[in-house]
Amino acid sequence: MRFVLYFVQFGTVFMLFLFSSMASWYQGSALLSDPWEWKYSAKFTKLFYGADSIKNAGDISQLDFFVYAAKHTPATVVLMAVSLIYIAVLSSWLFIKRRNHRARAA
């Protein structure tokens, strides 16, 4: 029975994470049409390829979409981060619980 509860939690939070990730990615893609924002929001592109590496919209890293979305529409990015943290905490909890259960059985 507990397995079903954890499975439902993982499934629900994973679907929430996927939905919020796709929404953030879509909202952040507006960066491509805002060249004046490239200087301030394209942090990962500058980090990976150099400070003056952005010549056109195709040079922008996909990770920069999340930075742009976090600046202009932070709700989906916060939801994505919270669901990812919940997945990590639940996974850790199950791992520790299982390890303790095995230690008691041995």
PDB file of N, CA and C in Angstrom:
ATOM      1  N   MET A   1       0.816  -1.199   0.000  1.00  0.00           N
ATOM      2  CA  MET A   1       0.000   0.000   0.000  1.00  0.00           C
ATOM      3  C   MET A   1       0.859   1.263   0.000  1.00  0.00           C
ATOM      4  N   ARG A   2       1.937   1.257   0.785  1.00  0.00           N
ATOM      5  CA  ARG A   2       2.805   2.426   0.832  1.00  0.00           C
ATOM      6  C   ARG A   2       3.491   2.659  -0.505  1.00  0.00           C
ATOM      7  N   PHE A   3       3.793   1.556  -1.196  1.00  0.00           N
ATOM      8  CA  PHE A   3       4.411   1.676  -2.509  1.00  0.00           C
ATOM      9  C   PHE A   3       3.518   2.484  -3.454  1.00  0.00           C
ATOM     10  N   VAL A   4       2.229   2.240  -3.383  1.00  0.00           N
ATOM     11  CA  VAL A   4       1.277   2.955  -4.239  1.00  0.00           C
ATOM     12  C   VAL A   4       1.271   4.444  -3.893  1.00  0.00           C
ATOM     13  N   LEU A   5       1.333   4.777  -2.609  1.00  0.00           N
ATOM     14  CA  LEU A   5       1.340   6.182  -2.208  1.00  0.00           C
ATOM     15  C   LEU A   5       2.591   6.904  -2.715  1.00  0.00           C
ATOM     16  N   TYR A   6       3.746   6.249  -2.589  1.00  0.00           N
ATOM     17  CA  TYR A   6       4.976   6.859  -3.092  1.00  0.00           C
ATOM     18  C   TYR A   6       4.965   6.954  -4.609  1.00  0.00           C
ATOM     19  N   PHE A   7       4.433   5.937  -5.256  1.00  0.00           N
ATOM     20  CA  PHE A   7       4.343   5.945  -6.714  1.00  0.00           C
ATOM     21  C   PHE A   7       3.443   7.076  -7.203  1.00  0.00           C
ATOM     22  N   VAL A   8       2.335   7.292  -6.531  1.00  0.00           N
ATOM     23  CA  VAL A   8       1.424   8.382  -6.897  1.00  0.00           C
ATOM     24  C   VAL A   8       2.101   9.735  -6.674  1.00  0.00           C
ATOM     25  N   GLN A   9       2.836   9.866  -5.568  1.00  0.00           N
ATOM     26  CA  GLN A   9       3.550  11.122  -5.314  1.00  0.00           C
ATOM     27  C   GLN A   9       4.587  11.385  -6.400  1.00  0.00           C
ATOM     28  N   PHE A  10       5.394  10.359  -6.716  1.00  0.00           N
ATOM     29  CA  PHE A  10       6.405  10.528  -7.758  1.00  0.00           C
ATOM     30  C   PHE A  10       5.763  10.871  -9.095  1.00  0.00           C
ATOM     31  N   GLY A  11       4.705  10.169  -9.430  1.00  0.00           N
ATOM     32  CA  GLY A  11       4.046  10.413 -10.711  1.00  0.00           C
ATOM     33  C   GLY A  11       3.475  11.816 -10.813  1.00  0.00           C
ATOM     34  N   THR A  12       2.805  12.247  -9.759  1.00  0.00           N
ATOM     35  CA  THR A  12       2.198  13.572  -9.758  1.00  0.00           C
ATOM     36  C   THR A  12       3.244  14.672  -9.823  1.00  0.00           C
ATOM     37  N   VAL A  13       4.272  14.561  -8.997  1.00  0.00           N
ATOM     38  CA  VAL A  13       5.304  15.597  -8.958  1.00  0.00           C
ATOM     39  C   VAL A  13       6.126  15.583 -10.243  1.00  0.00           C
ATOM     40  N   PHE A  14       6.370  14.414 -10.802  1.00  0.00           N
ATOM     41  CA  PHE A  14       7.117  14.346 -12.054  1.00  0.00           C
ATOM     42  C   PHE A  14       6.332  14.995 -13.194  1.00  0.00           C
ATOM     43  N   MET A  15       5.032  14.749 -13.247  1.00  0.00           N
ATOM     44  CA  MET A  15       4.202  15.391 -14.278  1.00  0.00           C
ATOM     45  C   MET A  15       4.167  16.905 -14.080  1.00  0.00           C
ATOM     46  N   LEU A  16       4.100  17.349 -12.836  1.00  0.00           N
ATOM     47  CA  LEU A  16       4.143  18.775 -12.528  1.00  0.00           C
ATOM     48  C   LEU A  16       5.482  19.374 -12.955  1.00  0.00           C
ATOM     49  N   PHE A  17       6.562  18.649 -12.692  1.00  0.00           N
ATOM     50  CA  PHE A  17       7.888  19.102 -13.104  1.00  0.00           C
ATOM     51  C   PHE A  17       7.979  19.207 -14.630  1.00  0.00           C
ATOM     52  N   LEU A  18       7.495  18.208 -15.344  1.00  0.00           N
ATOM     53  CA  LEU A  18       7.527  18.259 -16.804  1.00  0.00           C
ATOM     54  C   LEU A  18       6.706  19.416 -17.355  1.00  0.00           C
ATOM     55  N   PHE A  19       5.500  19.586 -16.818  1.00  0.00           N
ATOM     56  CA  PHE A  19       4.633  20.675 -17.272  1.00  0.00           C
ATOM     57  C   PHE A  19       5.277  22.038 -17.014  1.00  0.00           C
ATOM     58  N   SER A  20       5.794  22.236 -15.813  1.00  0.00           N
ATOM     59  CA  SER A  20       6.379  23.540 -15.485  1.00  0.00           C
ATOM     60  C   SER A  20       7.680  23.770 -16.259  1.00  0.00           C
ATOM     61  N   SER A  21       8.432  22.719 -16.535  1.00  0.00           N
ATOM     62  CA  SER A  21       9.648  22.861 -17.338  1.00  0.00           C
ATOM     63  C   SER A  21       9.320  23.277 -18.764  1.00  0.00           C
ATOM     64  N   MET A  22       8.347  22.621 -19.341  1.00  0.00           N
ATOM     65  CA  MET A  22       7.957  22.966 -20.718  1.00  0.00           C
ATOM     66  C   MET A  22       7.381  24.388 -20.784  1.00  0.00           C
ATOM     67  N   ALA A  23       6.590  24.762 -19.784  1.00  0.00           N
ATOM     68  CA  ALA A  23       6.028  26.112 -19.759  1.00  0.00           C
ATOM     69  C   ALA A  23       7.129  27.156 -19.597  1.00  0.00           C
ATOM     70  N   SER A  24       8.096  26.885 -18.735  1.00  0.00           N
ATOM     71  CA  SER A  24       9.210  27.822 -18.537  1.00  0.00           C
ATOM     72  C   SER A  24      10.059  27.937 -19.789  1.00  0.00           C
ATOM     73  N   TRP A  25      10.299  26.814 -20.419  1.00  0.00           N
ATOM     74  CA  TRP A  25      11.097  26.806 -21.648  1.00  0.00           C
ATOM     75  C   TRP A  25      10.398  27.606 -22.747  1.00  0.00           C
ATOM     76  N   TYR A  26       9.079  27.400 -22.863  1.00  0.00           N
ATOM     77  CA  TYR A  26       8.314  28.134 -23.856  1.00  0.00           C
ATOM     78  C   TYR A  26       8.311  29.637 -23.560  1.00  0.00           C
ATOM     79  N   GLN A  27       8.077  30.004 -22.308  1.00  0.00           N
ATOM     80  CA  GLN A  27       8.055  31.419 -21.952  1.00  0.00           C
ATOM     81  C   GLN A  27       9.430  32.053 -22.126  1.00  0.00           C
ATOM     82  N   GLY A  28      10.468  31.294 -21.846  1.00  0.00           N
ATOM     83  CA  GLY A  28      11.825  31.807 -22.000  1.00  0.00           C
ATOM     84  C   GLY A  28      12.275  31.934 -23.436  1.00  0.00           C
ATOM     85  N   SER A  29      11.592  31.253 -24.355  1.00  0.00           N
ATOM     86  CA  SER A  29      11.980  31.345 -25.755  1.00  0.00           C
ATOM     87  C   SER A  29      11.700  32.729 -26.337  1.00  0.00           C
ATOM     88  N   ALA A  30      10.978  33.549 -25.602  1.00  0.00           N
ATOM     89  CA  ALA A  30      10.769  34.935 -26.028  1.00  0.00           C
ATOM     90  C   ALA A  30      12.082  35.714 -26.041  1.00  0.00           C
ATOM     91  N   LEU A  31      13.107  35.174 -25.418  1.00  0.00           N
ATOM     92  CA  LEU A  31      14.432  35.802 -25.440  1.00  0.00           C
ATOM     93  C   LEU A  31      14.970  35.921 -26.856  1.00  0.00           C
ATOM     94  N   LEU A  32      14.600  34.999 -27.709  1.00  0.00           N
ATOM     95  CA  LEU A  32      15.082  35.030 -29.089  1.00  0.00           C
ATOM     96  C   LEU A  32      14.619  36.280 -29.831  1.00  0.00           C
ATOM     97  N   SER A  33      13.462  36.790 -29.464  1.00  0.00           N
ATOM     98  CA  SER A  33      12.933  37.966 -30.157  1.00  0.00           C
ATOM     99  C   SER A  33      13.230  39.282 -29.432  1.00  0.00           C
ATOM    100  N   ASP A  34      14.014  39.221 -28.356  1.00  0.00           N
ATOM    101  CA  ASP A  34      14.388  40.425 -27.616  1.00  0.00           C
ATOM    102  C   ASP A  34      15.906  40.613 -27.625  1.00  0.00           C
ATOM    103  N   PRO A  35      16.476  41.120 -28.713  1.00  0.00           N
ATOM    104  CA  PRO A  35      17.937  41.240 -28.788  1.00  0.00           C
ATOM    105  C   PRO A  35      18.524  42.165 -27.724  1.00  0.00           C
ATOM    106  N   TRP A  36      17.776  43.147 -27.261  1.00  0.00           N
ATOM    107  CA  TRP A  36      18.287  44.053 -26.237  1.00  0.00           C
ATOM    108  C   TRP A  36      18.422  43.349 -24.888  1.00  0.00           C
ATOM    109  N   GLU A  37      17.780  42.206 -24.739  1.00  0.00           N
ATOM    110  CA  GLU A  37      17.815  41.450 -23.488  1.00  0.00           C
ATOM    111  C   GLU A  37      18.947  40.413 -23.483  1.00  0.00           C
ATOM    112  N   TRP A  38      19.572  40.150 -24.623  1.00  0.00           N
ATOM    113  CA  TRP A  38      20.632  39.146 -24.712  1.00  0.00           C
ATOM    114  C   TRP A  38      21.797  39.477 -23.792  1.00  0.00           C
ATOM    115  N   LYS A  39      22.094  40.750 -23.667  1.00  0.00           N
ATOM    116  CA  LYS A  39      23.223  41.182 -22.845  1.00  0.00           C
ATOM    117  C   LYS A  39      23.007  40.845 -21.361  1.00  0.00           C
ATOM    118  N   TYR A  40      21.758  40.855 -20.913  1.00  0.00           N
ATOM    119  CA  TYR A  40      21.448  40.685 -19.497  1.00  0.00           C
ATOM    120  C   TYR A  40      20.955  39.288 -19.129  1.00  0.00           C
ATOM    121  N   SER A  41      20.386  38.563 -20.077  1.00  0.00           N
ATOM    122  CA  SER A  41      19.776  37.273 -19.753  1.00  0.00           C
ATOM    123  C   SER A  41      20.528  36.064 -20.305  1.00  0.00           C
ATOM    124  N   ALA A  42      21.432  36.258 -21.222  1.00  0.00           N
ATOM    125  CA  ALA A  42      22.148  35.128 -21.821  1.00  0.00           C
ATOM    126  C   ALA A  42      23.409  34.808 -21.025  1.00  0.00           C
ATOM    127  N   LYS A  43      23.230  34.469 -19.768  1.00  0.00           N
ATOM    128  CA  LYS A  43      24.357  34.215 -18.865  1.00  0.00           C
ATOM    129  C   LYS A  43      25.106  32.929 -19.217  1.00  0.00           C
ATOM    130  N   PHE A  44      24.381  31.858 -19.525  1.00  0.00           N
ATOM    131  CA  PHE A  44      25.037  30.588 -19.825  1.00  0.00           C
ATOM    132  C   PHE A  44      25.788  30.634 -21.158  1.00  0.00           C
ATOM    133  N   THR A  45      25.250  31.339 -22.126  1.00  0.00           N
ATOM    134  CA  THR A  45      25.949  31.474 -23.405  1.00  0.00           C
ATOM    135  C   THR A  45      27.263  32.209 -23.208  1.00  0.00           C
ATOM    136  N   LYS A  46      27.239  33.255 -22.422  1.00  0.00           N
ATOM    137  CA  LYS A  46      28.470  33.992 -22.137  1.00  0.00           C
ATOM    138  C   LYS A  46      29.455  33.125 -21.363  1.00  0.00           C
ATOM    139  N   LEU A  47      28.952  32.318 -20.450  1.00  0.00           N
ATOM    140  CA  LEU A  47      29.810  31.458 -19.643  1.00  0.00           C
ATOM    141  C   LEU A  47      30.465  30.367 -20.505  1.00  0.00           C
ATOM    142  N   PHE A  48      29.691  29.755 -21.398  1.00  0.00           N
ATOM    143  CA  PHE A  48      30.203  28.654 -22.201  1.00  0.00           C
ATOM    144  C   PHE A  48      31.035  29.102 -23.389  1.00  0.00           C
ATOM    145  N   TYR A  49      30.666  30.208 -24.038  1.00  0.00           N
ATOM    146  CA  TYR A  49      31.283  30.578 -25.315  1.00  0.00           C
ATOM    147  C   TYR A  49      32.013  31.907 -25.318  1.00  0.00           C
ATOM    148  N   GLY A  50      31.968  32.633 -24.239  1.00  0.00           N
ATOM    149  CA  GLY A  50      32.659  33.910 -24.175  1.00  0.00           C
ATOM    150  C   GLY A  50      31.694  35.068 -24.101  1.00  0.00           C
ATOM    151  N   ALA A  51      32.228  36.214 -23.693  1.00  0.00           N
ATOM    152  CA  ALA A  51      31.382  37.385 -23.416  1.00  0.00           C
ATOM    153  C   ALA A  51      30.702  37.950 -24.658  1.00  0.00           C
ATOM    154  N   ASP A  52      31.372  37.978 -25.774  1.00  0.00           N
ATOM    155  CA  ASP A  52      30.783  38.587 -26.979  1.00  0.00           C
ATOM    156  C   ASP A  52      30.531  37.540 -28.063  1.00  0.00           C
ATOM    157  N   SER A  53      29.988  36.401 -27.656  1.00  0.00           N
ATOM    158  CA  SER A  53      29.769  35.307 -28.597  1.00  0.00           C
ATOM    159  C   SER A  53      28.388  35.324 -29.250  1.00  0.00           C
ATOM    160  N   ILE A  54      27.494  36.184 -28.825  1.00  0.00           N
ATOM    161  CA  ILE A  54      26.132  36.205 -29.359  1.00  0.00           C
ATOM    162  C   ILE A  54      26.062  37.176 -30.527  1.00  0.00           C
ATOM    163  N   LYS A  55      25.950  36.617 -31.709  1.00  0.00           N
ATOM    164  CA  LYS A  55      25.805  37.430 -32.929  1.00  0.00           C
ATOM    165  C   LYS A  55      24.365  37.423 -33.441  1.00  0.00           C
ATOM    166  N   ASN A  56      23.676  36.278 -33.275  1.00  0.00           N
ATOM    167  CA  ASN A  56      22.276  36.187 -33.691  1.00  0.00           C
ATOM    168  C   ASN A  56      21.524  35.269 -32.719  1.00  0.00           C
ATOM    169  N   ALA A  57      20.258  35.106 -32.928  1.00  0.00           N
ATOM    170  CA  ALA A  57      19.416  34.353 -31.990  1.00  0.00           C
ATOM    171  C   ALA A  57      19.800  32.885 -31.913  1.00  0.00           C
ATOM    172  N   GLY A  58      20.370  32.328 -32.950  1.00  0.00           N
ATOM    173  CA  GLY A  58      20.760  30.925 -32.954  1.00  0.00           C
ATOM    174  C   GLY A  58      21.938  30.616 -32.045  1.00  0.00           C
ATOM    175  N   ASP A  59      22.650  31.622 -31.604  1.00  0.00           N
ATOM    176  CA  ASP A  59      23.812  31.417 -30.735  1.00  0.00           C
ATOM    177  C   ASP A  59      23.453  31.268 -29.262  1.00  0.00           C
ATOM    178  N   ILE A  60      22.216  31.515 -28.905  1.00  0.00           N
ATOM    179  CA  ILE A  60      21.790  31.517 -27.501  1.00  0.00           C
ATOM    180  C   ILE A  60      21.568  30.088 -27.012  1.00  0.00           C
ATOM    181  N   SER A  61      22.105  29.788 -25.837  1.00  0.00           N
ATOM    182  CA  SER A  61      21.947  28.475 -25.209  1.00  0.00           C
ATOM    183  C   SER A  61      20.508  28.282 -24.733  1.00  0.00           C
ATOM    184  N   GLN A  62      20.055  27.030 -24.751  1.00  0.00           N
ATOM    185  CA  GLN A  62      18.700  26.719 -24.289  1.00  0.00           C
ATOM    186  C   GLN A  62      18.547  26.985 -22.793  1.00  0.00           C
ATOM    187  N   LEU A  63      19.623  26.890 -22.046  1.00  0.00           N
ATOM    188  CA  LEU A  63      19.551  27.159 -20.607  1.00  0.00           C
ATOM    189  C   LEU A  63      19.227  28.621 -20.315  1.00  0.00           C
ATOM    190  N   ASP A  64      19.590  29.502 -21.226  1.00  0.00           N
ATOM    191  CA  ASP A  64      19.295  30.917 -21.041  1.00  0.00           C
ATOM    192  C   ASP A  64      17.796  31.209 -21.093  1.00  0.00           C
ATOM    193  N   PHE A  65      17.034  30.315 -21.696  1.00  0.00           N
ATOM    194  CA  PHE A  65      15.580  30.487 -21.732  1.00  0.00           C
ATOM    195  C   PHE A  65      15.015  30.460 -20.310  1.00  0.00           C
ATOM    196  N   PHE A  66      15.590  29.594 -19.466  1.00  0.00           N
ATOM    197  CA  PHE A  66      15.115  29.499 -18.088  1.00  0.00           C
ATOM    198  C   PHE A  66      15.497  30.744 -17.288  1.00  0.00           C
ATOM    199  N   VAL A  67      16.646  31.321 -17.586  1.00  0.00           N
ATOM    200  CA  VAL A  67      17.053  32.565 -16.918  1.00  0.00           C
ATOM    201  C   VAL A  67      16.092  33.687 -17.297  1.00  0.00           C
ATOM    202  N   TYR A  68      15.784  33.778 -18.585  1.00  0.00           N
ATOM    203  CA  TYR A  68      14.857  34.807 -19.066  1.00  0.00           C
ATOM    204  C   TYR A  68      13.464  34.601 -18.458  1.00  0.00           C
ATOM    205  N   ALA A  69      13.015  33.353 -18.419  1.00  0.00           N
ATOM    206  CA  ALA A  69      11.698  33.070 -17.830  1.00  0.00           C
ATOM    207  C   ALA A  69      11.680  33.395 -16.345  1.00  0.00           C
ATOM    208  N   ALA A  70      12.783  33.139 -15.646  1.00  0.00           N
ATOM    209  CA  ALA A  70      12.846  33.445 -14.213  1.00  0.00           C
ATOM    210  C   ALA A  70      12.786  34.950 -13.969  1.00  0.00           C
ATOM    211  N   LYS A  71      13.323  35.729 -14.892  1.00  0.00           N
ATOM    212  CA  LYS A  71      13.289  37.185 -14.736  1.00  0.00           C
ATOM    213  C   LYS A  71      11.918  37.769 -15.027  1.00  0.00           C
ATOM    214  N   HIS A  72      11.230  37.234 -16.025  1.00  0.00           N
ATOM    215  CA  HIS A  72      10.001  37.878 -16.500  1.00  0.00           C
ATOM    216  C   HIS A  72       8.716  37.166 -16.081  1.00  0.00           C
ATOM    217  N   THR A  73       8.752  35.850 -15.962  1.00  0.00           N
ATOM    218  CA  THR A  73       7.580  35.089 -15.505  1.00  0.00           C
ATOM    219  C   THR A  73       8.054  34.016 -14.525  1.00  0.00           C
ATOM    220  N   PRO A  74       8.344  34.402 -13.292  1.00  0.00           N
ATOM    221  CA  PRO A  74       8.996  33.476 -12.363  1.00  0.00           C
ATOM    222  C   PRO A  74       8.109  32.368 -11.794  1.00  0.00           C
ATOM    223  N   ALA A  75       6.824  32.431 -11.953  1.00  0.00           N
ATOM    224  CA  ALA A  75       5.942  31.441 -11.321  1.00  0.00           C
ATOM    225  C   ALA A  75       6.235  30.026 -11.802  1.00  0.00           C
ATOM    226  N   THR A  76       6.389  29.837 -13.097  1.00  0.00           N
ATOM    227  CA  THR A  76       6.631  28.484 -13.608  1.00  0.00           C
ATOM    228  C   THR A  76       8.026  27.984 -13.233  1.00  0.00           C
ATOM    229  N   VAL A  77       8.984  28.875 -13.184  1.00  0.00           N
ATOM    230  CA  VAL A  77      10.346  28.471 -12.803  1.00  0.00           C
ATOM    231  C   VAL A  77      10.393  28.084 -11.329  1.00  0.00           C
ATOM    232  N   VAL A  78       9.686  28.821 -10.493  1.00  0.00           N
ATOM    233  CA  VAL A  78       9.618  28.477  -9.071  1.00  0.00           C
ATOM    234  C   VAL A  78       8.904  27.142  -8.888  1.00  0.00           C
ATOM    235  N   LEU A  79       7.829  26.930  -9.619  1.00  0.00           N
ATOM    236  CA  LEU A  79       7.113  25.660  -9.553  1.00  0.00           C
ATOM    237  C   LEU A  79       8.001  24.504 -10.009  1.00  0.00           C
ATOM    238  N   MET A  80       8.789  24.738 -11.039  1.00  0.00           N
ATOM    239  CA  MET A  80       9.717  23.724 -11.528  1.00  0.00           C
ATOM    240  C   MET A  80      10.769  23.407 -10.464  1.00  0.00           C
ATOM    241  N   ALA A  81      11.317  24.421  -9.822  1.00  0.00           N
ATOM    242  CA  ALA A  81      12.342  24.222  -8.802  1.00  0.00           C
ATOM    243  C   ALA A  81      11.768  23.513  -7.572  1.00  0.00           C
ATOM    244  N   VAL A  82      10.588  23.895  -7.150  1.00  0.00           N
ATOM    245  CA  VAL A  82       9.970  23.266  -5.980  1.00  0.00           C
ATOM    246  C   VAL A  82       9.661  21.801  -6.259  1.00  0.00           C
ATOM    247  N   SER A  83       9.163  21.500  -7.434  1.00  0.00           N
ATOM    248  CA  SER A  83       8.864  20.102  -7.751  1.00  0.00           C
ATOM    249  C   SER A  83      10.141  19.277  -7.869  1.00  0.00           C
ATOM    250  N   LEU A  84      11.215  19.854  -8.381  1.00  0.00           N
ATOM    251  CA  LEU A  84      12.490  19.139  -8.450  1.00  0.00           C
ATOM    252  C   LEU A  84      13.048  18.885  -7.049  1.00  0.00           C
ATOM    253  N   ILE A  85      12.935  19.859  -6.177  1.00  0.00           N
ATOM    254  CA  ILE A  85      13.383  19.678  -4.788  1.00  0.00           C
ATOM    255  C   ILE A  85      12.541  18.603  -4.101  1.00  0.00           C
ATOM    256  N   TYR A  86      11.246  18.591  -4.351  1.00  0.00           N
ATOM    257  CA  TYR A  86      10.375  17.572  -3.754  1.00  0.00           C
ATOM    258  C   TYR A  86      10.764  16.182  -4.234  1.00  0.00           C
ATOM    259  N   ILE A  87      11.072  16.043  -5.520  1.00  0.00           N
ATOM    260  CA  ILE A  87      11.514  14.758  -6.058  1.00  0.00           C
ATOM    261  C   ILE A  87      12.814  14.320  -5.383  1.00  0.00           C
ATOM    262  N   ALA A  88      13.746  15.246  -5.211  1.00  0.00           N
ATOM    263  CA  ALA A  88      15.028  14.915  -4.580  1.00  0.00           C
ATOM    264  C   ALA A  88      14.839  14.517  -3.117  1.00  0.00           C
ATOM    265  N   VAL A  89      14.002  15.244  -2.391  1.00  0.00           N
ATOM    266  CA  VAL A  89      13.769  14.930  -0.982  1.00  0.00           C
ATOM    267  C   VAL A  89      13.054  13.586  -0.834  1.00  0.00           C
ATOM    268  N   LEU A  90      12.053  13.338  -1.655  1.00  0.00           N
ATOM    269  CA  LEU A  90      11.332  12.071  -1.584  1.00  0.00           C
ATOM    270  C   LEU A  90      12.240  10.903  -1.953  1.00  0.00           C
ATOM    271  N   SER A  91      13.069  11.076  -2.944  1.00  0.00           N
ATOM    272  CA  SER A  91      14.018  10.023  -3.327  1.00  0.00           C
ATOM    273  C   SER A  91      15.010   9.752  -2.202  1.00  0.00           C
ATOM    274  N   SER A  92      15.519  10.809  -1.607  1.00  0.00           N
ATOM    275  CA  SER A  92      16.457  10.650  -0.494  1.00  0.00           C
ATOM    276  C   SER A  92      15.788   9.960   0.691  1.00  0.00           C
ATOM    277  N   TRP A  93      14.580  10.368   0.993  1.00  0.00           N
ATOM    278  CA  TRP A  93      13.840   9.768   2.098  1.00  0.00           C
ATOM    279  C   TRP A  93      13.647   8.267   1.868  1.00  0.00           C
ATOM    280  N   LEU A  94      13.261   7.885   0.674  1.00  0.00           N
ATOM    281  CA  LEU A  94      13.058   6.469   0.384  1.00  0.00           C
ATOM    282  C   LEU A  94      14.373   5.694   0.410  1.00  0.00           C
ATOM    283  N   PHE A  95      15.442   6.305  -0.064  1.00  0.00           N
ATOM    284  CA  PHE A  95      16.749   5.665  -0.047  1.00  0.00           C
ATOM    285  C   PHE A  95      17.219   5.432   1.386  1.00  0.00           C
ATOM    286  N   ILE A  96      17.103   6.438   2.229  1.00  0.00           N
ATOM    287  CA  ILE A  96      17.529   6.307   3.627  1.00  0.00           C
ATOM    288  C   ILE A  96      16.643   5.302   4.369  1.00  0.00           C
ATOM    289  N   LYS A  97      15.358   5.365   4.129  1.00  0.00           N
ATOM    290  CA  LYS A  97      14.425   4.450   4.776  1.00  0.00           C
ATOM    291  C   LYS A  97      14.727   3.006   4.375  1.00  0.00           C
ATOM    292  N   ARG A  98      15.010   2.795   3.104  1.00  0.00           N
ATOM    293  CA  ARG A  98      15.318   1.448   2.623  1.00  0.00           C
ATOM    294  C   ARG A  98      16.650   0.958   3.180  1.00  0.00           C
ATOM    295  N   ARG A  99      17.627   1.841   3.263  1.00  0.00           N
ATOM    296  CA  ARG A  99      18.945   1.478   3.799  1.00  0.00           C
ATOM    297  C   ARG A  99      18.834   1.104   5.278  1.00  0.00           C
ATOM    298  N   ASN A 100      18.068   1.877   6.033  1.00  0.00           N
ATOM    299  CA  ASN A 100      17.865   1.571   7.456  1.00  0.00           C
ATOM    300  C   ASN A 100      17.110   0.257   7.638  1.00  0.00           C
ATOM    301  N   HIS A 101      16.156  -0.002   6.768  1.00  0.00           N
ATOM    302  CA  HIS A 101      15.388  -1.247   6.834  1.00  0.00           C
ATOM    303  C   HIS A 101      16.299  -2.446   6.563  1.00  0.00           C
ATOM    304  N   ARG A 102      17.191  -2.317   5.611  1.00  0.00           N
ATOM    305  CA  ARG A 102      18.140  -3.397   5.313  1.00  0.00           C
ATOM    306  C   ARG A 102      19.134  -3.602   6.444  1.00  0.00           C
ATOM    307  N   ALA A 103      19.556  -2.506   7.093  1.00  0.00           N
ATOM    308  CA  ALA A 103      20.506  -2.607   8.185  1.00  0.00           C
ATOM    309  C   ALA A 103      19.877  -3.320   9.390  1.00  0.00           C
ATOM    310  N   ARG A 104      18.595  -3.072   9.636  1.00  0.00           N
ATOM    311  CA  ARG A 104      17.921  -3.744  10.741  1.00  0.00           C
ATOM    312  C   ARG A 104      17.684  -5.208  10.446  1.00  0.00           C
ATOM    313  N   ALA A 105      17.466  -5.541   9.175  1.00  0.00           N
ATOM    314  CA  ALA A 105      17.189  -6.923   8.797  1.00  0.00           C
ATOM    315  C   ALA A 105      18.454  -7.783   8.849  1.00  0.00           C
ATOM    316  N   ALA A 106      19.603  -7.162   8.660  1.00  0.00           N
ATOM    317  CA  ALA A 106      20.857  -7.943   8.639  1.00  0.00           C
ATOM    318  C   ALA A 106      21.411  -8.243   9.974  1.00  0.00           C
TER     319      ALA A 106
END
